[in-house]
Amino acid sequence: MPVFIGGLLLGGLSGAVTYAGTADGQVAGAVAAVVAVLTWLGFACVIFLDD
């Protein structure tokens, strides 16, 4: 569960920063989704490689 929440938090933060810089909601949403997924994949790789 912390990995899921961490991905959402980082995705939301990235989306907010992108929206502040571009004022384009679609771009900010896309950036937030991509960052959230990449965060989850990164955490999954670390957990998988640690085993």
N, C-alpha and C. Protein backbone atom coordinates (compact mmCIF):
# COMPACT_ATOMS: atom_id res chain seq x y z
N MET A 1 0.80 -1.20 0.00
CA MET A 1 0.00 0.00 0.00
C MET A 1 0.85 1.27 0.00
N PRO A 2 1.97 1.33 0.72
CA PRO A 2 2.78 2.55 0.68
C PRO A 2 3.33 2.85 -0.72
N VAL A 3 3.60 1.80 -1.49
CA VAL A 3 4.09 2.01 -2.86
C VAL A 3 3.02 2.67 -3.70
N PHE A 4 1.78 2.22 -3.55
CA PHE A 4 0.66 2.80 -4.30
C PHE A 4 0.47 4.27 -3.93
N ILE A 5 0.47 4.55 -2.64
CA ILE A 5 0.30 5.93 -2.16
C ILE A 5 1.47 6.80 -2.61
N GLY A 6 2.68 6.27 -2.55
CA GLY A 6 3.85 7.02 -3.01
C GLY A 6 3.76 7.38 -4.48
N GLY A 7 3.30 6.44 -5.29
CA GLY A 7 3.12 6.73 -6.71
C GLY A 7 2.08 7.80 -6.96
N LEU A 8 0.98 7.72 -6.22
CA LEU A 8 -0.06 8.74 -6.36
C LEU A 8 0.44 10.12 -5.94
N LEU A 9 1.17 10.17 -4.84
CA LEU A 9 1.69 11.46 -4.36
C LEU A 9 2.68 12.07 -5.35
N LEU A 10 3.61 11.26 -5.84
CA LEU A 10 4.59 11.79 -6.80
C LEU A 10 3.93 12.16 -8.12
N GLY A 11 2.96 11.37 -8.56
CA GLY A 11 2.23 11.70 -9.78
C GLY A 11 1.45 12.99 -9.63
N GLY A 12 0.78 13.15 -8.50
CA GLY A 12 0.03 14.38 -8.26
C GLY A 12 0.92 15.60 -8.18
N LEU A 13 2.05 15.45 -7.52
CA LEU A 13 3.01 16.56 -7.42
C LEU A 13 3.54 16.94 -8.80
N SER A 14 3.89 15.95 -9.59
CA SER A 14 4.40 16.24 -10.94
C SER A 14 3.33 16.88 -11.81
N GLY A 15 2.10 16.40 -11.69
CA GLY A 15 1.00 17.00 -12.44
C GLY A 15 0.75 18.44 -12.04
N ALA A 16 0.81 18.72 -10.75
CA ALA A 16 0.59 20.08 -10.27
C ALA A 16 1.68 21.03 -10.75
N VAL A 17 2.93 20.57 -10.70
CA VAL A 17 4.04 21.40 -11.17
C VAL A 17 3.93 21.64 -12.67
N THR A 18 3.55 20.60 -13.41
CA THR A 18 3.38 20.75 -14.86
C THR A 18 2.24 21.70 -15.17
N TYR A 19 1.13 21.58 -14.44
CA TYR A 19 0.01 22.47 -14.67
C TYR A 19 0.38 23.92 -14.35
N ALA A 20 1.16 24.12 -13.30
CA ALA A 20 1.59 25.47 -12.94
C ALA A 20 2.49 26.06 -14.03
N GLY A 21 3.26 25.21 -14.67
CA GLY A 21 4.18 25.70 -15.70
C GLY A 21 3.55 25.87 -17.07
N THR A 22 2.53 25.04 -17.39
CA THR A 22 1.97 25.07 -18.74
C THR A 22 0.54 25.56 -18.79
N ALA A 23 -0.20 25.47 -17.70
CA ALA A 23 -1.62 25.81 -17.63
C ALA A 23 -2.45 24.97 -18.59
N ASP A 24 -1.99 23.76 -18.90
CA ASP A 24 -2.70 22.84 -19.78
C ASP A 24 -3.06 21.60 -18.97
N GLY A 25 -4.34 21.43 -18.73
CA GLY A 25 -4.79 20.32 -17.89
C GLY A 25 -4.54 18.95 -18.48
N GLN A 26 -4.64 18.83 -19.81
CA GLN A 26 -4.42 17.52 -20.44
C GLN A 26 -2.97 17.09 -20.34
N VAL A 27 -2.06 18.01 -20.56
CA VAL A 27 -0.64 17.69 -20.44
C VAL A 27 -0.31 17.34 -18.99
N ALA A 28 -0.84 18.11 -18.05
CA ALA A 28 -0.58 17.85 -16.63
C ALA A 28 -1.12 16.48 -16.22
N GLY A 29 -2.29 16.12 -16.71
CA GLY A 29 -2.86 14.80 -16.40
C GLY A 29 -2.03 13.68 -16.97
N ALA A 30 -1.56 13.86 -18.19
CA ALA A 30 -0.72 12.83 -18.82
C ALA A 30 0.60 12.68 -18.07
N VAL A 31 1.20 13.79 -17.69
CA VAL A 31 2.46 13.73 -16.94
C VAL A 31 2.24 13.05 -15.59
N ALA A 32 1.15 13.38 -14.92
CA ALA A 32 0.87 12.77 -13.62
C ALA A 32 0.70 11.25 -13.75
N ALA A 33 -0.02 10.81 -14.78
CA ALA A 33 -0.22 9.37 -14.98
C ALA A 33 1.08 8.66 -15.29
N VAL A 34 1.90 9.25 -16.16
CA VAL A 34 3.17 8.63 -16.53
C VAL A 34 4.10 8.54 -15.32
N VAL A 35 4.19 9.60 -14.55
CA VAL A 35 5.07 9.60 -13.38
C VAL A 35 4.59 8.58 -12.35
N ALA A 36 3.29 8.48 -12.14
CA ALA A 36 2.77 7.51 -11.18
C ALA A 36 3.12 6.09 -11.60
N VAL A 37 2.92 5.77 -12.88
CA VAL A 37 3.23 4.42 -13.37
C VAL A 37 4.72 4.14 -13.29
N LEU A 38 5.54 5.10 -13.68
CA LEU A 38 6.99 4.89 -13.61
C LEU A 38 7.46 4.72 -12.16
N THR A 39 6.83 5.43 -11.24
CA THR A 39 7.18 5.26 -9.83
C THR A 39 6.84 3.86 -9.36
N TRP A 40 5.65 3.38 -9.72
CA TRP A 40 5.25 2.02 -9.32
C TRP A 40 6.19 0.99 -9.93
N LEU A 41 6.56 1.16 -11.20
CA LEU A 41 7.47 0.22 -11.84
C LEU A 41 8.85 0.27 -11.19
N GLY A 42 9.31 1.44 -10.84
CA GLY A 42 10.61 1.57 -10.18
C GLY A 42 10.62 0.88 -8.83
N PHE A 43 9.57 1.10 -8.04
CA PHE A 43 9.48 0.42 -6.75
C PHE A 43 9.40 -1.09 -6.94
N ALA A 44 8.63 -1.53 -7.93
CA ALA A 44 8.50 -2.96 -8.18
C ALA A 44 9.84 -3.57 -8.58
N CYS A 45 10.61 -2.87 -9.39
CA CYS A 45 11.94 -3.37 -9.78
C CYS A 45 12.86 -3.48 -8.58
N VAL A 46 12.83 -2.49 -7.71
CA VAL A 46 13.68 -2.53 -6.52
C VAL A 46 13.28 -3.70 -5.62
N ILE A 47 11.99 -3.89 -5.43
CA ILE A 47 11.51 -4.99 -4.59
C ILE A 47 11.86 -6.33 -5.24
N PHE A 48 11.66 -6.45 -6.55
CA PHE A 48 11.95 -7.70 -7.26
C PHE A 48 13.44 -8.02 -7.23
N LEU A 49 14.27 -7.02 -7.48
CA LEU A 49 15.71 -7.26 -7.51
C LEU A 49 16.29 -7.49 -6.12
N ASP A 50 15.59 -7.01 -5.10
CA ASP A 50 16.07 -7.19 -3.73
C ASP A 50 15.89 -8.64 -3.25
N ASP A 51 14.92 -9.34 -3.84
CA ASP A 51 14.65 -10.73 -3.41
C ASP A 51 15.67 -11.68 -3.87
